């Protein structure tokens, strides 16, 4: 029997979770999350994690799987997700993968290039420097020390910049020299489904979702995590801005507006990433015939 993984991708707030659950129910299978933050138990409201009812409706893998003190990367996800799929394929010939972390989806579908190890002391040093000096220092330093990555990389993404700088200082080489572009072969088929909305509709949905997050307790969640604010996992939209508010840099109203703005920017970067993947079949997330159209193309 042919095994198939259906990938549900798209920007934040587009409605991936509902579609993934509907598809998983129809196929009688489970969902593997491809979200780099929903795997952390302590990050719930700010990551728009599926709620209890949604998690009960269909079995989810990689949700609430780790503590925020564990640092996972795309290579870890590749190993974990392949293991989850292998478990699902024991009893089902289909599985659903759902998330907006493009690098995680790429790692699962294509694999990652082999990289030499980095030095632990450099990891600690660079992270400490970033914590005290901030994003502008990180951007400037990468531009100076690894201009090749800076020209091609995601210069507003601190996690990628940190990885590039740590790699450069550990190995003396740019991380882009290790990108072979070779895809690993998987023993299952992959069908990619992309969800999109007109920009103004998506942005309004993002704004409304941030307001809802605040109403249900995001600030309290962030306060509880404030002692751990130095962790890389917490350097993300929705948490950074409220950490700054707690430290007196912004009023709460200013912080909320910054969350909305930065989330919109993040959604734009997600779409830029996913639109480069010509294997994705795109659908309007608000199409009333969405599930009929998706399932028709699965036959």
C-alpha atoms as a PDB file:
ATOM      1  CA  UNK A   1       0.000   0.000   0.000  1.00  0.00           C
ATOM      2  CA  UNK A   2       1.349   3.436  -0.970  1.00  0.00           C
ATOM      3  CA  UNK A   3       1.987   5.699   2.014  1.00  0.00           C
ATOM      4  CA  UNK A   4       1.208   9.405   1.671  1.00  0.00           C
ATOM      5  CA  UNK A   5       1.854  12.454   3.855  1.00  0.00           C
ATOM      6  CA  UNK A   6      -0.420  15.409   3.183  1.00  0.00           C
ATOM      7  CA  UNK A   7       1.275  18.695   4.102  1.00  0.00           C
ATOM      8  CA  UNK A   8      -0.970  21.624   5.109  1.00  0.00           C
ATOM      9  CA  UNK A   9       1.114  24.812   4.903  1.00  0.00           C
ATOM     10  CA  UNK A  10       0.531  28.543   4.869  1.00  0.00           C
ATOM     11  CA  UNK A  11       0.925  31.722   6.910  1.00  0.00           C
ATOM     12  CA  UNK A  12      -0.075  32.197  10.511  1.00  0.00           C
ATOM     13  CA  UNK A  13      -3.816  32.730  11.181  1.00  0.00           C
ATOM     14  CA  UNK A  14      -4.878  31.459   7.747  1.00  0.00           C
ATOM     15  CA  UNK A  15      -6.811  28.509   9.211  1.00  0.00           C
ATOM     16  CA  UNK A  16      -4.474  25.531   8.791  1.00  0.00           C
ATOM     17  CA  UNK A  17      -5.535  23.738  11.976  1.00  0.00           C
ATOM     18  CA  UNK A  18      -9.213  23.444  11.051  1.00  0.00           C
ATOM     19  CA  UNK A  19      -8.417  22.162   7.569  1.00  0.00           C
ATOM     20  CA  UNK A  20      -5.858  19.664   8.891  1.00  0.00           C
ATOM     21  CA  UNK A  21      -8.343  18.288  11.431  1.00  0.00           C
ATOM     22  CA  UNK A  22     -11.103  17.991   8.813  1.00  0.00           C
ATOM     23  CA  UNK A  23      -8.745  16.187   6.441  1.00  0.00           C
ATOM     24  CA  UNK A  24      -7.364  13.889   9.156  1.00  0.00           C
ATOM     25  CA  UNK A  25     -10.912  12.943  10.183  1.00  0.00           C
ATOM     26  CA  UNK A  26     -11.818  12.183   6.595  1.00  0.00           C
ATOM     27  CA  UNK A  27      -8.719  10.038   6.152  1.00  0.00           C
ATOM     28  CA  UNK A  28      -9.020   8.416   9.585  1.00  0.00           C
ATOM     29  CA  UNK A  29      -5.483   9.357  10.535  1.00  0.00           C
ATOM     30  CA  UNK A  30      -3.362  11.576  12.796  1.00  0.00           C
ATOM     31  CA  UNK A  31      -1.632  14.952  12.526  1.00  0.00           C
ATOM     32  CA  UNK A  32       2.058  15.773  12.904  1.00  0.00           C
ATOM     33  CA  UNK A  33       2.621  19.419  13.818  1.00  0.00           C
ATOM     34  CA  UNK A  34       5.216  21.373  11.856  1.00  0.00           C
ATOM     35  CA  UNK A  35       5.294  24.392  14.171  1.00  0.00           C
ATOM     36  CA  UNK A  36       8.589  25.244  15.842  1.00  0.00           C
ATOM     37  CA  UNK A  37       6.952  26.715  18.969  1.00  0.00           C
ATOM     38  CA  UNK A  38       3.761  24.714  19.590  1.00  0.00           C
ATOM     39  CA  UNK A  39       5.946  21.793  20.663  1.00  0.00           C
ATOM     40  CA  UNK A  40       6.798  23.648  23.901  1.00  0.00           C
ATOM     41  CA  UNK A  41       4.410  23.013  26.778  1.00  0.00           C
ATOM     42  CA  UNK A  42       4.790  26.441  28.380  1.00  0.00           C
ATOM     43  CA  UNK A  43       3.989  28.371  25.179  1.00  0.00           C
ATOM     44  CA  UNK A  44       0.276  27.977  24.547  1.00  0.00           C
ATOM     45  CA  UNK A  45      -1.664  31.182  24.015  1.00  0.00           C
ATOM     46  CA  UNK A  46       1.046  33.024  22.103  1.00  0.00           C
ATOM     47  CA  UNK A  47       1.612  30.131  19.701  1.00  0.00           C
ATOM     48  CA  UNK A  48      -2.099  29.687  18.840  1.00  0.00           C
ATOM     49  CA  UNK A  49      -1.856  26.052  19.825  1.00  0.00           C
ATOM     50  CA  UNK A  50      -4.874  23.829  18.957  1.00  0.00           C
ATOM     51  CA  UNK A  51      -7.320  23.918  21.851  1.00  0.00           C
ATOM     52  CA  UNK A  52      -8.337  20.950  23.994  1.00  0.00           C
ATOM     53  CA  UNK A  53     -11.322  20.129  21.800  1.00  0.00           C
ATOM     54  CA  UNK A  54      -9.219  20.165  18.647  1.00  0.00           C
ATOM     55  CA  UNK A  55      -6.513  18.028  20.240  1.00  0.00           C
ATOM     56  CA  UNK A  56      -9.168  15.558  21.383  1.00  0.00           C
ATOM     57  CA  UNK A  57     -10.742  15.361  17.921  1.00  0.00           C
ATOM     58  CA  UNK A  58      -7.600  14.014  16.223  1.00  0.00           C
ATOM     59  CA  UNK A  59      -4.346  12.692  17.666  1.00  0.00           C
ATOM     60  CA  UNK A  60      -1.559  15.266  17.299  1.00  0.00           C
ATOM     61  CA  UNK A  61       2.166  14.567  17.413  1.00  0.00           C
ATOM     62  CA  UNK A  62       4.793  17.173  18.443  1.00  0.00           C
ATOM     63  CA  UNK A  63       2.302  19.383  20.316  1.00  0.00           C
ATOM     64  CA  UNK A  64       3.334  19.917  23.974  1.00  0.00           C
ATOM     65  CA  UNK A  65       6.134  17.413  23.465  1.00  0.00           C
ATOM     66  CA  UNK A  66       8.971  19.343  25.156  1.00  0.00           C
ATOM     67  CA  UNK A  67       9.743  21.935  27.790  1.00  0.00           C
ATOM     68  CA  UNK A  68      10.729  25.395  26.603  1.00  0.00           C
ATOM     69  CA  UNK A  69      14.147  24.756  28.174  1.00  0.00           C
ATOM     70  CA  UNK A  70      14.829  22.173  25.454  1.00  0.00           C
ATOM     71  CA  UNK A  71      16.319  23.706  22.322  1.00  0.00           C
ATOM     72  CA  UNK A  72      15.242  21.946  19.132  1.00  0.00           C
ATOM     73  CA  UNK A  73      16.237  22.738  15.569  1.00  0.00           C
ATOM     74  CA  UNK A  74      15.195  21.614  12.109  1.00  0.00           C
ATOM     75  CA  UNK A  75      17.535  18.629  12.192  1.00  0.00           C
ATOM     76  CA  UNK A  76      15.899  17.439  15.417  1.00  0.00           C
ATOM     77  CA  UNK A  77      12.497  17.940  13.829  1.00  0.00           C
ATOM     78  CA  UNK A  78      13.449  15.897  10.768  1.00  0.00           C
ATOM     79  CA  UNK A  79      14.331  12.919  12.981  1.00  0.00           C
ATOM     80  CA  UNK A  80      11.288  13.299  15.222  1.00  0.00           C
ATOM     81  CA  UNK A  81       8.770  13.833  12.428  1.00  0.00           C
ATOM     82  CA  UNK A  82      10.011  10.868  10.408  1.00  0.00           C
ATOM     83  CA  UNK A  83       9.603   8.765  13.549  1.00  0.00           C
ATOM     84  CA  UNK A  84       6.056  10.053  14.090  1.00  0.00           C
ATOM     85  CA  UNK A  85       5.135   9.260  10.488  1.00  0.00           C
ATOM     86  CA  UNK A  86       6.629   5.795  10.759  1.00  0.00           C
ATOM     87  CA  UNK A  87       4.414   5.170  13.792  1.00  0.00           C
ATOM     88  CA  UNK A  88       1.310   6.454  12.010  1.00  0.00           C
ATOM     89  CA  UNK A  89       2.041   4.415   8.890  1.00  0.00           C
ATOM     90  CA  UNK A  90       1.955   1.199  10.929  1.00  0.00           C
ATOM     91  CA  UNK A  91      -1.842   1.412  11.043  1.00  0.00           C
ATOM     92  CA  UNK A  92      -2.643   4.027   8.360  1.00  0.00           C
ATOM     93  CA  UNK A  93      -1.397   4.584   4.837  1.00  0.00           C
ATOM     94  CA  UNK A  94      -1.948   8.336   5.178  1.00  0.00           C
ATOM     95  CA  UNK A  95      -0.868  11.072   7.589  1.00  0.00           C
ATOM     96  CA  UNK A  96      -1.405  14.825   7.812  1.00  0.00           C
ATOM     97  CA  UNK A  97       1.373  17.303   8.576  1.00  0.00           C
ATOM     98  CA  UNK A  98       0.291  20.814   9.533  1.00  0.00           C
ATOM     99  CA  UNK A  99       2.304  23.934  10.280  1.00  0.00           C
ATOM    100  CA  UNK A 100       3.806  27.200   9.183  1.00  0.00           C
ATOM    101  CA  UNK A 101       7.500  26.639   9.920  1.00  0.00           C
ATOM    102  CA  UNK A 102       8.854  26.395   6.408  1.00  0.00           C
ATOM    103  CA  UNK A 103      12.275  25.067   7.374  1.00  0.00           C
ATOM    104  CA  UNK A 104      10.701  22.231   9.378  1.00  0.00           C
ATOM    105  CA  UNK A 105       8.517  21.235   6.436  1.00  0.00           C
ATOM    106  CA  UNK A 106      11.548  21.376   4.151  1.00  0.00           C
ATOM    107  CA  UNK A 107      13.531  19.219   6.579  1.00  0.00           C
ATOM    108  CA  UNK A 108      10.782  16.597   6.656  1.00  0.00           C
ATOM    109  CA  UNK A 109      10.186  16.528   2.912  1.00  0.00           C
ATOM    110  CA  UNK A 110      13.708  16.968   1.575  1.00  0.00           C
ATOM    111  CA  UNK A 111      16.126  16.446   4.441  1.00  0.00           C
ATOM    112  CA  UNK A 112      18.885  18.792   5.552  1.00  0.00           C
ATOM    113  CA  UNK A 113      22.479  19.093   4.493  1.00  0.00           C
ATOM    114  CA  UNK A 114      25.121  17.471   6.691  1.00  0.00           C
ATOM    115  CA  UNK A 115      26.853  20.114   8.816  1.00  0.00           C
ATOM    116  CA  UNK A 116      30.046  20.005  10.891  1.00  0.00           C
ATOM    117  CA  UNK A 117      29.506  20.473  14.650  1.00  0.00           C
ATOM    118  CA  UNK A 118      29.694  23.890  16.280  1.00  0.00           C
ATOM    119  CA  UNK A 119      31.536  24.720  19.498  1.00  0.00           C
ATOM    120  CA  UNK A 120      29.463  24.894  22.688  1.00  0.00           C
ATOM    121  CA  UNK A 121      31.467  27.779  24.111  1.00  0.00           C
ATOM    122  CA  UNK A 122      30.847  29.821  20.956  1.00  0.00           C
ATOM    123  CA  UNK A 123      27.134  29.039  21.156  1.00  0.00           C
ATOM    124  CA  UNK A 124      27.051  30.404  24.701  1.00  0.00           C
ATOM    125  CA  UNK A 125      29.196  33.434  23.877  1.00  0.00           C
ATOM    126  CA  UNK A 126      27.149  34.476  20.834  1.00  0.00           C
ATOM    127  CA  UNK A 127      23.825  34.010  22.603  1.00  0.00           C
ATOM    128  CA  UNK A 128      25.026  36.090  25.564  1.00  0.00           C
ATOM    129  CA  UNK A 129      26.228  38.833  23.232  1.00  0.00           C
ATOM    130  CA  UNK A 130      22.890  38.835  21.421  1.00  0.00           C
ATOM    131  CA  UNK A 131      20.990  38.988  24.709  1.00  0.00           C
ATOM    132  CA  UNK A 132      22.886  42.074  25.870  1.00  0.00           C
ATOM    133  CA  UNK A 133      23.393  43.886  22.539  1.00  0.00           C
ATOM    134  CA  UNK A 134      20.253  43.027  20.577  1.00  0.00           C
ATOM    135  CA  UNK A 135      19.218  42.415  16.974  1.00  0.00           C
ATOM    136  CA  UNK A 136      20.999  45.386  15.414  1.00  0.00           C
ATOM    137  CA  UNK A 137      24.327  44.170  16.817  1.00  0.00           C
ATOM    138  CA  UNK A 138      23.585  40.670  15.503  1.00  0.00           C
ATOM    139  CA  UNK A 139      22.700  41.923  12.027  1.00  0.00           C
ATOM    140  CA  UNK A 140      25.788  44.140  11.830  1.00  0.00           C
ATOM    141  CA  UNK A 141      28.088  41.375  13.079  1.00  0.00           C
ATOM    142  CA  UNK A 142      26.792  38.815  10.573  1.00  0.00           C
ATOM    143  CA  UNK A 143      27.109  41.399   7.801  1.00  0.00           C
ATOM    144  CA  UNK A 144      30.742  41.965   8.794  1.00  0.00           C
ATOM    145  CA  UNK A 145      31.771  38.356   9.470  1.00  0.00           C
ATOM    146  CA  UNK A 146      29.637  36.444   6.953  1.00  0.00           C
ATOM    147  CA  UNK A 147      28.602  38.824   4.165  1.00  0.00           C
ATOM    148  CA  UNK A 148      27.702  35.888   1.890  1.00  0.00           C
ATOM    149  CA  UNK A 149      25.020  34.690   4.313  1.00  0.00           C
ATOM    150  CA  UNK A 150      23.868  38.242   4.970  1.00  0.00           C
ATOM    151  CA  UNK A 151      23.206  38.756   1.259  1.00  0.00           C
ATOM    152  CA  UNK A 152      21.098  35.581   1.037  1.00  0.00           C
ATOM    153  CA  UNK A 153      19.814  34.977   4.545  1.00  0.00           C
ATOM    154  CA  UNK A 154      16.791  36.056   6.529  1.00  0.00           C
ATOM    155  CA  UNK A 155      18.355  39.112   8.125  1.00  0.00           C
ATOM    156  CA  UNK A 156      15.319  39.858  10.325  1.00  0.00           C
ATOM    157  CA  UNK A 157      15.233  36.330  11.751  1.00  0.00           C
ATOM    158  CA  UNK A 158      17.472  36.235  14.853  1.00  0.00           C
ATOM    159  CA  UNK A 159      17.479  32.433  15.043  1.00  0.00           C
ATOM    160  CA  UNK A 160      18.944  32.136  11.520  1.00  0.00           C
ATOM    161  CA  UNK A 161      21.409  34.947  12.148  1.00  0.00           C
ATOM    162  CA  UNK A 162      22.572  33.348  15.391  1.00  0.00           C
ATOM    163  CA  UNK A 163      23.018  29.992  13.659  1.00  0.00           C
ATOM    164  CA  UNK A 164      25.007  31.608  10.836  1.00  0.00           C
ATOM    165  CA  UNK A 165      27.285  33.535  13.192  1.00  0.00           C
ATOM    166  CA  UNK A 166      27.862  30.547  15.486  1.00  0.00           C
ATOM    167  CA  UNK A 167      28.653  28.372  12.469  1.00  0.00           C
ATOM    168  CA  UNK A 168      31.046  30.941  11.018  1.00  0.00           C
ATOM    169  CA  UNK A 169      32.932  31.411  14.275  1.00  0.00           C
ATOM    170  CA  UNK A 170      33.047  27.659  14.939  1.00  0.00           C
ATOM    171  CA  UNK A 171      34.162  26.491  11.494  1.00  0.00           C
ATOM    172  CA  UNK A 172      35.597  29.567   9.805  1.00  0.00           C
ATOM    173  CA  UNK A 173      33.245  28.990   6.882  1.00  0.00           C
ATOM    174  CA  UNK A 174      29.879  30.350   5.807  1.00  0.00           C
ATOM    175  CA  UNK A 175      26.948  28.051   6.440  1.00  0.00           C
ATOM    176  CA  UNK A 176      25.763  28.622   2.875  1.00  0.00           C
ATOM    177  CA  UNK A 177      28.789  26.642   1.602  1.00  0.00           C
ATOM    178  CA  UNK A 178      27.160  23.510   3.028  1.00  0.00           C
ATOM    179  CA  UNK A 179      23.901  23.887   1.156  1.00  0.00           C
ATOM    180  CA  UNK A 180      24.039  21.215  -1.508  1.00  0.00           C
ATOM    181  CA  UNK A 181      20.450  21.444  -2.703  1.00  0.00           C
ATOM    182  CA  UNK A 182      20.245  17.651  -2.835  1.00  0.00           C
ATOM    183  CA  UNK A 183      16.917  16.174  -1.749  1.00  0.00           C
ATOM    184  CA  UNK A 184      16.755  13.009   0.319  1.00  0.00           C
ATOM    185  CA  UNK A 185      14.437  10.302  -0.934  1.00  0.00           C
ATOM    186  CA  UNK A 186      11.502   9.430   1.324  1.00  0.00           C
ATOM    187  CA  UNK A 187       9.679   6.108   1.304  1.00  0.00           C
ATOM    188  CA  UNK A 188       6.297   7.836   1.188  1.00  0.00           C
ATOM    189  CA  UNK A 189       4.535  10.180  -1.205  1.00  0.00           C
ATOM    190  CA  UNK A 190       4.210  13.843  -0.325  1.00  0.00           C
ATOM    191  CA  UNK A 191       1.295  16.039  -1.371  1.00  0.00           C
ATOM    192  CA  UNK A 192       1.555  19.709  -0.405  1.00  0.00           C
ATOM    193  CA  UNK A 193      -1.529  21.843   0.179  1.00  0.00           C
ATOM    194  CA  UNK A 194      -1.120  25.585   0.675  1.00  0.00           C
ATOM    195  CA  UNK A 195      -3.751  27.867   2.203  1.00  0.00           C
ATOM    196  CA  UNK A 196      -3.840  31.582   1.416  1.00  0.00           C
ATOM    197  CA  UNK A 197      -6.088  34.621   1.801  1.00  0.00           C
ATOM    198  CA  UNK A 198      -6.101  38.109   0.317  1.00  0.00           C
ATOM    199  CA  UNK A 199      -3.547  40.137   2.264  1.00  0.00           C
ATOM    200  CA  UNK A 200      -6.048  42.547   3.824  1.00  0.00           C
ATOM    201  CA  UNK A 201      -8.239  39.644   4.991  1.00  0.00           C
ATOM    202  CA  UNK A 202      -5.288  37.771   6.494  1.00  0.00           C
ATOM    203  CA  UNK A 203      -3.966  40.889   8.234  1.00  0.00           C
ATOM    204  CA  UNK A 204      -7.348  41.639   9.787  1.00  0.00           C
ATOM    205  CA  UNK A 205      -7.565  38.038  10.975  1.00  0.00           C
ATOM    206  CA  UNK A 206      -4.104  38.383  12.538  1.00  0.00           C
ATOM    207  CA  UNK A 207      -5.144  41.577  14.337  1.00  0.00           C
ATOM    208  CA  UNK A 208      -8.283  39.943  15.696  1.00  0.00           C
ATOM    209  CA  UNK A 209      -6.376  36.886  16.852  1.00  0.00           C
ATOM    210  CA  UNK A 210      -3.844  38.985  18.755  1.00  0.00           C
ATOM    211  CA  UNK A 211      -6.713  40.788  20.511  1.00  0.00           C
ATOM    212  CA  UNK A 212      -8.205  37.412  21.422  1.00  0.00           C
ATOM    213  CA  UNK A 213      -4.846  36.169  22.739  1.00  0.00           C
ATOM    214  CA  UNK A 214      -4.607  39.194  24.998  1.00  0.00           C
ATOM    215  CA  UNK A 215      -8.181  38.702  26.200  1.00  0.00           C
ATOM    216  CA  UNK A 216      -7.563  35.086  27.226  1.00  0.00           C
ATOM    217  CA  UNK A 217      -4.351  35.758  29.167  1.00  0.00           C
ATOM    218  CA  UNK A 218      -1.278  36.122  26.942  1.00  0.00           C
ATOM    219  CA  UNK A 219       0.247  38.742  29.243  1.00  0.00           C
ATOM    220  CA  UNK A 220       0.016  36.381  32.223  1.00  0.00           C
ATOM    221  CA  UNK A 221       1.586  33.597  30.160  1.00  0.00           C
ATOM    222  CA  UNK A 222       4.477  35.891  29.241  1.00  0.00           C
ATOM    223  CA  UNK A 223       4.891  37.076  32.838  1.00  0.00           C
ATOM    224  CA  UNK A 224       5.282  33.458  33.940  1.00  0.00           C
ATOM    225  CA  UNK A 225       7.994  32.970  31.308  1.00  0.00           C
ATOM    226  CA  UNK A 226       9.804  36.242  32.006  1.00  0.00           C
ATOM    227  CA  UNK A 227      12.538  34.603  34.157  1.00  0.00           C
ATOM    228  CA  UNK A 228      13.399  32.444  31.122  1.00  0.00           C
ATOM    229  CA  UNK A 229      13.307  35.314  28.599  1.00  0.00           C
ATOM    230  CA  UNK A 230      16.956  34.704  27.637  1.00  0.00           C
ATOM    231  CA  UNK A 231      16.091  31.332  26.059  1.00  0.00           C
ATOM    232  CA  UNK A 232      16.262  31.198  22.272  1.00  0.00           C
ATOM    233  CA  UNK A 233      12.831  29.540  22.108  1.00  0.00           C
ATOM    234  CA  UNK A 234      11.262  32.650  23.630  1.00  0.00           C
ATOM    235  CA  UNK A 235      12.842  35.054  21.140  1.00  0.00           C
ATOM    236  CA  UNK A 236       9.700  35.103  19.056  1.00  0.00           C
ATOM    237  CA  UNK A 237       6.759  37.292  18.115  1.00  0.00           C
ATOM    238  CA  UNK A 238       4.198  37.742  20.859  1.00  0.00           C
ATOM    239  CA  UNK A 239       6.711  37.141  23.622  1.00  0.00           C
ATOM    240  CA  UNK A 240       9.511  39.595  22.788  1.00  0.00           C
ATOM    241  CA  UNK A 241       7.136  42.547  22.660  1.00  0.00           C
ATOM    242  CA  UNK A 242       5.530  41.754  26.006  1.00  0.00           C
ATOM    243  CA  UNK A 243       8.915  41.133  27.619  1.00  0.00           C
ATOM    244  CA  UNK A 244       9.782  44.667  26.491  1.00  0.00           C
ATOM    245  CA  UNK A 245       6.513  45.942  27.990  1.00  0.00           C
ATOM    246  CA  UNK A 246       7.289  44.250  31.314  1.00  0.00           C
ATOM    247  CA  UNK A 247      10.700  45.970  31.280  1.00  0.00           C
ATOM    248  CA  UNK A 248       9.011  49.341  30.724  1.00  0.00           C
ATOM    249  CA  UNK A 249      10.072  49.905  27.117  1.00  0.00           C
ATOM    250  CA  UNK A 250       6.499  50.056  25.802  1.00  0.00           C
ATOM    251  CA  UNK A 251       3.036  50.637  27.152  1.00  0.00           C
ATOM    252  CA  UNK A 252       0.771  47.597  26.892  1.00  0.00           C
ATOM    253  CA  UNK A 253      -1.106  49.210  23.997  1.00  0.00           C
ATOM    254  CA  UNK A 254       2.170  49.849  22.142  1.00  0.00           C
ATOM    255  CA  UNK A 255       3.328  46.277  22.759  1.00  0.00           C
ATOM    256  CA  UNK A 256       0.069  44.836  21.399  1.00  0.00           C
ATOM    257  CA  UNK A 257       0.342  46.963  18.258  1.00  0.00           C
ATOM    258  CA  UNK A 258       3.917  45.767  17.794  1.00  0.00           C
ATOM    259  CA  UNK A 259       2.774  42.144  18.115  1.00  0.00           C
ATOM    260  CA  UNK A 260       0.213  42.729  15.376  1.00  0.00           C
ATOM    261  CA  UNK A 261       2.746  44.473  13.155  1.00  0.00           C
ATOM    262  CA  UNK A 262       5.469  41.866  13.659  1.00  0.00           C
ATOM    263  CA  UNK A 263       3.006  39.009  13.137  1.00  0.00           C
ATOM    264  CA  UNK A 264       1.919  40.556   9.837  1.00  0.00           C
ATOM    265  CA  UNK A 265       5.568  40.821   8.814  1.00  0.00           C
ATOM    266  CA  UNK A 266       6.106  37.198   9.816  1.00  0.00           C
ATOM    267  CA  UNK A 267       3.110  36.094   7.722  1.00  0.00           C
ATOM    268  CA  UNK A 268       4.561  37.931   4.747  1.00  0.00           C
ATOM    269  CA  UNK A 269       7.899  36.132   5.180  1.00  0.00           C
ATOM    270  CA  UNK A 270       6.093  32.801   5.445  1.00  0.00           C
ATOM    271  CA  UNK A 271       4.292  33.402   2.154  1.00  0.00           C
ATOM    272  CA  UNK A 272       7.542  34.417   0.473  1.00  0.00           C
ATOM    273  CA  UNK A 273       9.091  31.129   1.625  1.00  0.00           C
ATOM    274  CA  UNK A 274       6.161  28.906   0.640  1.00  0.00           C
ATOM    275  CA  UNK A 275       5.568  30.568  -2.732  1.00  0.00           C
ATOM    276  CA  UNK A 276       9.055  29.461  -3.769  1.00  0.00           C
ATOM    277  CA  UNK A 277       7.914  25.841  -3.460  1.00  0.00           C
ATOM    278  CA  UNK A 278       6.391  24.925  -6.817  1.00  0.00           C
ATOM    279  CA  UNK A 279       5.080  21.620  -5.421  1.00  0.00           C
ATOM    280  CA  UNK A 280       2.467  23.365  -3.276  1.00  0.00           C
ATOM    281  CA  UNK A 281      -1.114  23.333  -4.560  1.00  0.00           C
ATOM    282  CA  UNK A 282      -2.734  26.587  -3.412  1.00  0.00           C
ATOM    283  CA  UNK A 283      -6.315  27.092  -2.186  1.00  0.00           C
ATOM    284  CA  UNK A 284      -8.253  30.061  -0.848  1.00  0.00           C
ATOM    285  CA  UNK A 285      -8.747  29.290   2.839  1.00  0.00           C
ATOM    286  CA  UNK A 286     -12.201  30.930   2.863  1.00  0.00           C
ATOM    287  CA  UNK A 287     -13.547  28.999  -0.129  1.00  0.00           C
ATOM    288  CA  UNK A 288     -16.856  27.437   0.934  1.00  0.00           C
ATOM    289  CA  UNK A 289     -16.007  24.414  -1.227  1.00  0.00           C
ATOM    290  CA  UNK A 290     -12.458  24.144   0.130  1.00  0.00           C
ATOM    291  CA  UNK A 291     -12.610  20.616   1.520  1.00  0.00           C
ATOM    292  CA  UNK A 292     -14.431  19.314  -1.573  1.00  0.00           C
ATOM    293  CA  UNK A 293     -11.736  20.812  -3.809  1.00  0.00           C
ATOM    294  CA  UNK A 294      -8.892  19.445  -1.678  1.00  0.00           C
ATOM    295  CA  UNK A 295     -10.300  15.928  -1.467  1.00  0.00           C
ATOM    296  CA  UNK A 296     -11.192  15.910  -5.174  1.00  0.00           C
ATOM    297  CA  UNK A 297      -7.514  16.472  -5.974  1.00  0.00           C
ATOM    298  CA  UNK A 298      -6.453  13.672  -3.618  1.00  0.00           C
ATOM    299  CA  UNK A 299      -8.227  10.979  -5.566  1.00  0.00           C
END
